Amino acid sequence: MASLLAEGMLATWQLGPGTFTDPQPYLPNKAVLACSNFSLASYTGLRKDLSLSQKNKFSSHSRSGISRKQSVFVVSATAKPLNQLPFWSFINKHGRIQPIKDPNTLASVVAVFYRNRKIQYIGFSKDLRNSLRTLMGRRPELCYFYKVHNLNSFDQELMLSVRQQWISELGFIPPGNSNPTDKVLWEQPATADAISERGRSAAAASKAKTLQQMMRDRGIKEEMIFDPVLLEQGKLNLLPSKDLSPEELAKSAVAQAQAGAKRKNVSVPVPSGGVIEYDIVYEMKFNTNGGWMYDVAVTYEDKETRHRIIVGKIFSEAADMAEDDFLEVVVAFLLHKQIPRHTEGILSQSEFNINYFSMGEVSVRFRDLREWFSKELPEDEWGFVNVESYGAEIDPPPLTGPLELSKHMKSPYSPTL
């Protein structure tokens, strides 16, 4: 705990493109910077609040006889263990970063997780929504889930205590807090590599487009705009975003509830062990001559993708399953095989078009699909036969010339040797 308190002795705060270094104790350390959007006014007010809180705290301690160390222990004990907190997706079903807002929250301790739910970083925030947006803008490849502990006061000791409690529970320090290179990537604006000073702006703009595309691929639909002032300096940091109004939030909540009513959670056992869990929304389904055509939205590992799938009756009947159930097992199979879920342009022969496919295609391409069903699946919907090679590799060459023809046919016009 002593080492953690020592961190607060030198705090670096981001004030837009510049920084402010303050040697006063009890101010947030660099981790606060990573998840906060502070202004000079809020900094000045915070120092007054912290100064008063420290006086009140020492006064309270002297009256009660409780030591500072005991106080930290008591406060820490009120925080829930990390493993008891729920996972929240960075991106909600509507493509927004929209955490549940508590008007009594003045600060938060946030743990960030990768899609496999391995922890990456623990930081502090006084504006949870914009903090999550900032982290997403810096590390979109790692920001999938988060856990949060909200506080009704901005107390440095309390935040450090909660973080230390989580680290003790984990048994290790997350890489984003322990690795110096990782720490910079989480806590500082991204930088664009450029040889010349003149090229920094262009390089930053190019990198911003790449990051924005990554976020769109993740399913983000709200605006993610990088600070143009920082871009000129070759740095990238998302601008804060104004939150939705109560009316807009209410409308969004209604739409989310309606979408949730259509959403089905699917859990499919994997033959080799474990389960694949995902959400599916049946946006459209209609009968065809030989089965059904579906348009579905699949959410897996915090990513939503849409697919058009053709299910032949021959497959669902052979498996003795309802067509929806059969489709859900096949989708789980493709997710388990980690087939790329977003394809554009012309596909090569080695790529499977997961955006538009039939069960016959899955059956022909992936022979291990049969392991996922207790009954035998048909060899192929269209009666095609799988072969290892075809065409010129196995077809005999055509007969050419009189000598070759004479060996295969008898004719009065055949030449004699």
Protein backbone atom coordinates (compact mmCIF):
# COMPACT_ATOMS: atom_id res chain seq x y z
CA MET A 1 0.00 0.00 0.00
CA ALA A 2 2.91 2.34 0.75
CA SER A 3 4.17 2.01 -2.80
CA LEU A 4 0.70 2.72 -4.16
CA LEU A 5 0.34 5.86 -2.04
CA ALA A 6 3.76 6.95 -3.25
CA GLU A 7 2.41 6.92 -6.79
CA GLY A 8 0.11 9.77 -5.85
CA MET A 9 3.05 12.03 -4.89
CA LEU A 10 3.64 12.93 -8.52
CA ALA A 11 0.55 13.19 -10.67
CA THR A 12 0.51 13.84 -14.39
CA TRP A 13 -2.77 15.21 -15.65
CA GLN A 14 -3.76 15.63 -19.29
CA LEU A 15 -5.26 19.00 -20.03
CA GLY A 16 -6.03 18.65 -23.72
CA PRO A 17 -2.84 18.55 -25.74
CA GLY A 18 -0.64 19.70 -22.84
CA THR A 19 0.28 18.20 -19.49
CA PHE A 20 0.47 19.49 -15.96
CA THR A 21 2.81 18.07 -13.35
CA ASP A 22 1.96 18.64 -9.71
CA PRO A 23 4.11 17.35 -6.83
CA GLN A 24 1.26 17.58 -4.30
CA PRO A 25 0.18 14.35 -2.58
CA TYR A 26 -3.23 12.72 -2.78
CA LEU A 27 -3.77 13.61 -6.43
CA PRO A 28 -4.56 10.97 -9.04
CA ASN A 29 -1.60 9.31 -10.68
CA LYS A 30 -1.11 8.59 -14.39
CA ALA A 31 -3.75 5.86 -14.28
CA VAL A 32 -6.37 8.52 -13.58
CA LEU A 33 -5.24 10.32 -16.69
CA ALA A 34 -5.93 7.29 -18.86
CA CYS A 35 -9.65 7.30 -18.24
CA SER A 36 -10.45 10.94 -17.49
CA ASN A 37 -11.19 14.14 -19.33
CA PHE A 38 -10.12 16.92 -16.99
CA SER A 39 -10.20 20.66 -17.44
CA LEU A 40 -8.18 23.23 -15.52
CA ALA A 41 -11.33 24.34 -13.71
CA SER A 42 -12.14 20.83 -12.57
CA TYR A 43 -8.53 20.38 -11.50
CA THR A 44 -8.63 23.53 -9.33
CA GLY A 45 -11.97 22.56 -7.80
CA LEU A 46 -10.77 19.03 -7.19
CA ARG A 47 -7.71 20.24 -5.29
CA LYS A 48 -10.00 22.23 -2.98
CA ASP A 49 -12.29 19.23 -2.50
CA LEU A 50 -9.37 16.92 -1.83
CA SER A 51 -7.80 19.40 0.56
CA LEU A 52 -11.03 19.67 2.54
CA SER A 53 -11.60 15.93 2.46
CA GLN A 54 -8.10 15.33 3.78
CA LYS A 55 -8.67 17.78 6.67
CA ASN A 56 -12.01 16.18 7.47
CA LYS A 57 -10.52 12.73 7.19
CA PHE A 58 -7.63 13.52 9.56
CA SER A 59 -10.01 15.24 11.96
CA SER A 60 -12.36 12.28 11.88
CA HIS A 61 -9.51 9.88 12.42
CA SER A 62 -8.15 11.79 15.38
CA ARG A 63 -11.57 11.80 17.05
CA SER A 64 -12.20 8.13 16.49
CA GLY A 65 -8.67 6.95 17.01
CA ILE A 66 -8.71 5.06 13.71
CA SER A 67 -5.39 5.11 11.87
CA ARG A 68 -5.08 5.99 8.18
CA LYS A 69 -4.05 2.39 7.42
CA GLN A 70 -7.13 1.01 9.18
CA SER A 71 -9.33 3.49 7.31
CA VAL A 72 -8.05 2.32 3.95
CA PHE A 73 -8.68 -1.29 4.95
CA VAL A 74 -12.27 -0.59 6.00
CA VAL A 75 -13.02 1.29 2.75
CA SER A 76 -11.42 -1.42 0.62
CA ALA A 77 -13.54 -4.08 2.29
CA THR A 78 -16.70 -2.41 0.91
CA ALA A 79 -15.65 -2.96 -2.73
CA LYS A 80 -16.96 -6.09 -4.39
CA PRO A 81 -14.39 -8.69 -5.46
CA LEU A 82 -13.60 -8.44 -9.15
CA ASN A 83 -14.91 -11.93 -9.88
CA GLN A 84 -18.32 -10.99 -8.46
CA LEU A 85 -18.79 -7.98 -10.73
CA PRO A 86 -20.66 -8.49 -14.03
CA PHE A 87 -18.97 -8.26 -17.42
CA TRP A 88 -20.27 -5.36 -19.49
CA SER A 89 -19.74 -5.09 -23.24
CA PHE A 90 -17.93 -1.98 -24.41
CA ILE A 91 -20.39 -1.76 -27.31
CA ASN A 92 -24.11 -2.19 -26.74
CA LYS A 93 -26.62 -3.75 -29.12
CA HIS A 94 -27.15 -0.42 -30.86
CA GLY A 95 -23.49 0.15 -31.64
CA ARG A 96 -22.95 2.70 -28.86
CA ILE A 97 -20.62 2.91 -25.89
CA GLN A 98 -23.32 3.64 -23.35
CA PRO A 99 -22.68 2.46 -19.76
CA ILE A 100 -25.51 2.62 -17.26
CA LYS A 101 -25.42 6.09 -15.72
CA ASP A 102 -25.70 6.58 -11.97
CA PRO A 103 -26.18 10.27 -11.01
CA ASN A 104 -24.48 9.65 -7.65
CA THR A 105 -21.26 8.40 -9.26
CA LEU A 106 -18.35 10.84 -9.12
CA ALA A 107 -15.54 8.41 -9.95
CA SER A 108 -15.05 4.85 -11.14
CA VAL A 109 -12.42 2.14 -11.10
CA VAL A 110 -12.52 0.25 -14.41
CA ALA A 111 -11.01 -3.11 -15.39
CA VAL A 112 -10.70 -3.74 -19.15
CA PHE A 113 -10.88 -7.25 -20.66
CA TYR A 114 -10.02 -8.81 -24.02
CA ARG A 115 -12.61 -10.91 -25.91
CA ASN A 116 -11.39 -14.07 -24.12
CA ARG A 117 -12.16 -12.19 -20.88
CA LYS A 118 -8.53 -11.92 -19.83
CA ILE A 119 -7.84 -8.69 -17.98
CA GLN A 120 -5.71 -6.08 -19.76
CA TYR A 121 -5.73 -2.92 -17.69
CA ILE A 122 -7.16 -1.21 -14.59
CA GLY A 123 -7.73 2.54 -14.69
CA PHE A 124 -9.66 5.36 -13.03
CA SER A 125 -12.36 7.62 -14.43
CA LYS A 126 -14.58 10.54 -13.56
CA ASP A 127 -16.62 10.27 -16.79
CA LEU A 128 -17.17 6.59 -17.49
CA ARG A 129 -18.71 6.91 -20.95
CA ASN A 130 -15.97 9.13 -22.36
CA SER A 131 -13.30 7.14 -20.55
CA LEU A 132 -14.47 3.96 -22.28
CA ARG A 133 -14.57 5.83 -25.60
CA THR A 134 -11.01 7.06 -25.04
CA LEU A 135 -9.74 3.58 -24.27
CA MET A 136 -11.55 2.16 -27.30
CA GLY A 137 -9.96 4.83 -29.51
CA ARG A 138 -6.51 3.90 -28.24
CA ARG A 139 -6.78 0.10 -28.07
CA PRO A 140 -9.80 -1.05 -30.14
CA GLU A 141 -8.21 -4.47 -30.62
CA LEU A 142 -8.26 -5.13 -26.84
CA CYS A 143 -11.39 -3.37 -25.52
CA TYR A 144 -14.20 -5.94 -25.46
CA PHE A 145 -15.53 -6.09 -21.90
CA TYR A 146 -15.19 -4.10 -18.71
CA LYS A 147 -16.02 -4.35 -15.03
CA VAL A 148 -16.59 -1.24 -12.98
CA HIS A 149 -16.78 -0.16 -9.35
CA ASN A 150 -18.49 3.23 -8.98
CA LEU A 151 -17.72 5.65 -6.16
CA ASN A 152 -19.74 8.57 -4.80
CA SER A 153 -16.58 10.58 -4.11
CA PHE A 154 -13.37 11.28 -5.96
CA ASP A 155 -11.00 9.82 -3.37
CA GLN A 156 -7.47 8.92 -4.46
CA GLU A 157 -6.81 6.57 -1.56
CA LEU A 158 -10.08 4.77 -2.13
CA MET A 159 -9.44 4.27 -5.85
CA LEU A 160 -5.93 3.00 -5.23
CA SER A 161 -7.28 0.70 -2.53
CA VAL A 162 -9.90 -0.82 -4.88
CA ARG A 163 -7.30 -1.32 -7.58
CA GLN A 164 -4.91 -2.97 -5.12
CA GLN A 165 -7.72 -5.22 -3.88
CA TRP A 166 -8.39 -6.40 -7.44
CA ILE A 167 -4.68 -6.94 -8.14
CA SER A 168 -4.37 -8.98 -4.94
CA GLU A 169 -7.37 -11.03 -6.00
CA LEU A 170 -5.90 -11.63 -9.46
CA GLY A 171 -2.48 -12.56 -8.10
CA PHE A 172 -0.72 -10.47 -10.77
CA ILE A 173 -0.64 -6.95 -12.18
CA PRO A 174 -2.43 -6.60 -15.55
CA PRO A 175 -0.05 -6.08 -18.49
CA GLY A 176 -1.43 -2.61 -19.18
CA ASN A 177 -0.36 -1.54 -15.69
CA SER A 178 2.91 -3.47 -15.39
CA ASN A 179 4.46 -3.34 -18.86
CA PRO A 180 5.90 0.16 -19.51
CA THR A 181 5.24 0.00 -23.26
CA ASP A 182 1.66 -1.17 -22.75
CA LYS A 183 1.11 1.41 -20.05
CA VAL A 184 1.95 4.25 -22.43
CA LEU A 185 -0.44 2.88 -25.06
CA TRP A 186 -3.31 2.84 -22.55
CA GLU A 187 -2.54 6.12 -20.81
CA GLN A 188 -1.29 8.44 -23.55
CA PRO A 189 -2.68 9.52 -26.93
CA ALA A 190 -1.54 7.29 -29.78
CA THR A 191 1.22 8.66 -31.98
CA ALA A 192 1.73 8.31 -35.72
CA ASP A 193 5.12 7.31 -37.05
CA ALA A 194 6.51 9.89 -39.45
CA ILE A 195 10.03 10.66 -40.62
CA SER A 196 9.55 14.41 -40.95
CA GLU A 197 7.69 16.91 -38.83
CA ARG A 198 5.65 17.86 -41.90
CA GLY A 199 4.52 14.27 -42.36
CA ARG A 200 3.17 13.85 -38.82
CA SER A 201 -0.25 15.30 -39.61
CA ALA A 202 -0.75 13.12 -42.69
CA ALA A 203 0.47 10.02 -40.85
CA ALA A 204 -1.87 10.74 -37.93
CA ALA A 205 -4.84 11.26 -40.27
CA SER A 206 -4.08 7.96 -41.97
CA LYS A 207 -3.82 6.15 -38.64
CA ALA A 208 -7.06 7.76 -37.48
CA LYS A 209 -8.87 6.33 -40.53
CA THR A 210 -7.44 2.89 -39.74
CA LEU A 211 -8.60 3.08 -36.11
CA GLN A 212 -12.03 4.33 -37.13
CA GLN A 213 -12.40 1.42 -39.55
CA MET A 214 -11.37 -1.01 -36.80
CA MET A 215 -14.05 0.46 -34.54
CA ARG A 216 -16.68 0.25 -37.29
CA ASP A 217 -15.71 -3.40 -37.86
CA ARG A 218 -16.24 -3.95 -34.14
CA GLY A 219 -19.81 -2.69 -34.57
CA ILE A 220 -19.58 0.91 -33.34
CA LYS A 221 -22.21 3.10 -34.99
CA GLU A 222 -21.78 6.35 -33.06
CA GLU A 223 -19.35 9.05 -34.14
CA MET A 224 -15.74 8.53 -33.05
CA ILE A 225 -13.95 11.76 -33.98
CA PHE A 226 -10.27 12.33 -33.26
CA ASP A 227 -9.14 15.70 -31.92
CA PRO A 228 -8.04 17.74 -34.99
CA VAL A 229 -5.63 19.84 -32.91
CA LEU A 230 -3.77 16.73 -31.76
CA LEU A 231 -3.83 15.26 -35.29
CA GLU A 232 -1.81 18.25 -36.48
CA GLN A 233 0.80 17.29 -33.89
CA GLY A 234 0.85 13.66 -34.98
CA LYS A 235 -1.17 12.45 -31.97
CA LEU A 236 -4.54 10.72 -31.76
CA ASN A 237 -7.14 11.06 -29.03
CA LEU A 238 -10.92 10.93 -29.38
CA LEU A 239 -12.92 14.06 -28.67
CA PRO A 240 -15.34 13.78 -25.74
CA SER A 241 -18.91 13.03 -26.79
CA LYS A 242 -22.01 14.63 -25.37
CA ASP A 243 -24.25 12.05 -23.79
CA LEU A 244 -27.78 11.42 -24.98
CA SER A 245 -30.62 13.43 -23.44
CA PRO A 246 -33.02 11.68 -21.05
CA GLU A 247 -35.59 11.54 -23.86
CA GLU A 248 -33.07 10.04 -26.27
CA LEU A 249 -31.92 7.55 -23.65
CA ALA A 250 -35.53 6.55 -22.95
CA LYS A 251 -36.16 6.06 -26.67
CA SER A 252 -32.96 4.04 -26.95
CA ALA A 253 -33.99 1.91 -23.95
CA VAL A 254 -37.36 1.13 -25.57
CA ALA A 255 -35.67 0.18 -28.84
CA GLN A 256 -33.16 -1.95 -26.96
CA ALA A 257 -35.94 -3.72 -25.06
CA GLN A 258 -37.79 -4.44 -28.32
CA ALA A 259 -34.61 -5.80 -29.89
CA GLY A 260 -33.91 -7.85 -26.77
CA ALA A 261 -37.31 -9.50 -27.05
CA LYS A 262 -36.30 -10.87 -30.46
CA ARG A 263 -32.83 -11.87 -29.29
CA LYS A 264 -32.21 -15.49 -28.38
CA ASN A 265 -29.27 -16.73 -26.34
CA VAL A 266 -27.88 -19.95 -27.80
CA SER A 267 -25.62 -22.46 -26.02
CA VAL A 268 -24.28 -25.36 -28.09
CA PRO A 269 -22.01 -28.08 -26.65
CA VAL A 270 -18.72 -28.66 -28.50
CA PRO A 271 -18.00 -32.35 -29.21
CA SER A 272 -14.44 -31.99 -27.89
CA GLY A 273 -15.64 -30.27 -24.71
CA GLY A 274 -16.95 -26.88 -23.66
CA VAL A 275 -19.76 -24.83 -25.16
CA ILE A 276 -20.21 -22.07 -27.71
CA GLU A 277 -22.53 -19.32 -26.50
CA TYR A 278 -23.86 -16.53 -28.68
CA ASP A 279 -26.94 -14.42 -29.33
CA ILE A 280 -29.03 -14.66 -32.50
CA VAL A 281 -31.82 -12.49 -33.89
CA TYR A 282 -34.03 -13.93 -36.64
CA GLU A 283 -34.61 -10.86 -38.79
CA MET A 284 -36.27 -12.75 -41.64
CA LYS A 285 -37.29 -16.33 -42.49
CA PHE A 286 -39.30 -17.60 -45.44
CA ASN A 287 -39.98 -20.91 -47.12
CA THR A 288 -38.26 -21.91 -50.34
CA ASN A 289 -38.94 -24.89 -52.61
CA GLY A 290 -36.40 -27.02 -50.79
CA GLY A 291 -36.22 -25.50 -47.32
CA TRP A 292 -35.85 -22.05 -45.77
CA MET A 293 -33.90 -18.83 -46.26
CA TYR A 294 -32.86 -16.83 -43.19
CA ASP A 295 -31.46 -13.40 -42.47
CA VAL A 296 -29.92 -13.49 -39.00
CA ALA A 297 -27.82 -11.23 -36.78
CA VAL A 298 -25.24 -13.08 -34.68
CA THR A 299 -23.50 -11.54 -31.66
CA TYR A 300 -20.44 -13.39 -30.44
CA GLU A 301 -17.49 -12.09 -28.41
CA ASP A 302 -18.94 -8.58 -28.44
CA LYS A 303 -19.18 -8.46 -32.25
CA GLU A 304 -22.41 -8.45 -34.24
CA THR A 305 -22.49 -9.73 -37.84
CA ARG A 306 -25.30 -10.43 -40.29
CA HIS A 307 -25.71 -13.53 -42.44
CA ARG A 308 -28.06 -14.92 -45.08
CA ILE A 309 -28.30 -18.70 -44.66
CA ILE A 310 -30.12 -21.33 -46.73
CA VAL A 311 -31.21 -24.45 -44.86
CA GLY A 312 -32.33 -27.42 -46.98
CA LYS A 313 -35.04 -29.68 -45.56
CA ILE A 314 -32.85 -32.66 -46.38
CA PHE A 315 -30.39 -31.62 -43.65
CA SER A 316 -32.78 -30.78 -40.81
CA GLU A 317 -34.83 -33.93 -41.54
CA ALA A 318 -31.72 -36.14 -41.59
CA ALA A 319 -30.61 -34.67 -38.24
CA ASP A 320 -34.19 -35.05 -36.89
CA MET A 321 -34.14 -31.42 -35.73
CA ALA A 322 -36.26 -28.32 -36.24
CA GLU A 323 -34.74 -26.09 -38.90
CA ASP A 324 -33.96 -23.25 -36.45
CA ASP A 325 -32.17 -25.63 -34.08
CA PHE A 326 -30.17 -27.11 -36.94
CA LEU A 327 -29.11 -23.66 -38.12
CA GLU A 328 -28.00 -22.68 -34.60
CA VAL A 329 -25.72 -25.72 -34.32
CA VAL A 330 -24.13 -24.96 -37.69
CA VAL A 331 -23.54 -21.32 -36.70
CA ALA A 332 -21.91 -22.51 -33.45
CA PHE A 333 -19.74 -24.89 -35.49
CA LEU A 334 -18.51 -22.03 -37.72
CA LEU A 335 -17.86 -19.80 -34.69
CA HIS A 336 -15.90 -22.61 -33.05
CA LYS A 337 -13.76 -22.96 -36.18
CA GLN A 338 -13.10 -19.19 -36.02
CA ILE A 339 -14.15 -18.63 -39.62
CA PRO A 340 -13.68 -14.90 -40.42
CA ARG A 341 -17.08 -13.28 -39.97
CA HIS A 342 -16.61 -10.22 -42.15
CA THR A 343 -15.78 -10.64 -45.85
CA GLU A 344 -15.72 -8.06 -48.61
CA GLY A 345 -14.94 -8.03 -52.28
CA ILE A 346 -14.02 -11.08 -54.34
CA LEU A 347 -13.27 -14.17 -52.27
CA SER A 348 -10.57 -16.64 -53.12
CA GLN A 349 -11.36 -20.36 -53.41
CA SER A 350 -9.89 -20.96 -49.97
CA GLU A 351 -12.27 -18.48 -48.27
CA PHE A 352 -15.69 -19.41 -46.98
CA ASN A 353 -18.37 -16.76 -47.54
CA ILE A 354 -19.89 -16.67 -44.10
CA ASN A 355 -22.14 -13.75 -45.07
CA TYR A 356 -24.14 -15.82 -47.57
CA PHE A 357 -24.02 -19.61 -47.56
CA SER A 358 -26.08 -22.81 -47.72
CA MET A 359 -25.89 -25.90 -45.54
CA GLY A 360 -24.70 -27.85 -48.56
CA GLU A 361 -21.64 -25.60 -48.81
CA VAL A 362 -20.81 -26.10 -45.14
CA SER A 363 -21.26 -29.86 -45.44
CA VAL A 364 -18.97 -30.14 -48.49
CA ARG A 365 -16.25 -27.84 -47.21
CA PHE A 366 -16.11 -28.96 -43.56
CA ARG A 367 -16.31 -32.74 -43.17
CA ASP A 368 -16.00 -32.50 -39.37
CA LEU A 369 -19.48 -30.88 -39.23
CA ARG A 370 -20.88 -34.41 -38.87
CA GLU A 371 -19.28 -34.73 -35.43
CA TRP A 372 -21.71 -32.11 -34.11
CA PHE A 373 -24.81 -34.22 -34.83
CA SER A 374 -25.90 -37.55 -33.37
CA LYS A 375 -27.47 -38.70 -36.64
CA GLU A 376 -25.90 -39.10 -40.07
CA LEU A 377 -26.09 -36.09 -42.34
CA PRO A 378 -26.62 -36.49 -46.10
CA GLU A 379 -23.42 -36.56 -48.12
CA ASP A 380 -24.50 -33.62 -50.20
CA GLU A 381 -27.68 -31.77 -50.98
CA TRP A 382 -26.94 -31.80 -54.71
CA GLY A 383 -25.28 -35.18 -55.05
CA PHE A 384 -21.79 -33.85 -55.77
CA VAL A 385 -18.84 -36.04 -54.82
CA ASN A 386 -15.79 -34.71 -53.03
CA VAL A 387 -12.53 -35.52 -54.82
CA GLU A 388 -8.96 -34.61 -54.03
CA SER A 389 -8.14 -33.47 -57.58
CA TYR A 390 -9.93 -32.97 -60.84
CA GLY A 391 -9.53 -31.58 -64.36
CA ALA A 392 -6.26 -31.92 -66.26
CA GLU A 393 -4.57 -33.61 -63.30
CA ILE A 394 -6.63 -36.82 -63.72
CA ASP A 395 -8.15 -36.60 -67.21
CA PRO A 396 -6.11 -38.45 -69.91
CA PRO A 397 -4.53 -36.19 -72.53
CA PRO A 398 -6.41 -36.00 -75.85
CA LEU A 399 -5.27 -38.28 -78.70
CA THR A 400 -3.30 -36.37 -81.28
CA GLY A 401 -1.50 -37.44 -84.47
CA PRO A 402 -1.92 -40.55 -86.70
CA LEU A 403 0.42 -42.75 -84.69
CA GLU A 404 -1.55 -42.33 -81.45
CA LEU A 405 -4.88 -42.70 -83.21
CA SER A 406 -3.74 -45.97 -84.87
CA LYS A 407 -3.20 -47.53 -81.46
CA HIS A 408 -6.83 -46.95 -80.43
CA MET A 409 -8.86 -47.48 -83.59
CA LYS A 410 -8.87 -49.80 -86.62
CA SER A 411 -9.62 -48.09 -89.88
CA PRO A 412 -8.82 -48.74 -93.48
CA TYR A 413 -7.39 -45.27 -93.49
CA SER A 414 -5.09 -45.94 -90.59
CA PRO A 415 -1.49 -45.78 -91.61
CA THR A 416 0.51 -48.97 -91.46
CA LEU A 417 3.85 -49.23 -89.87
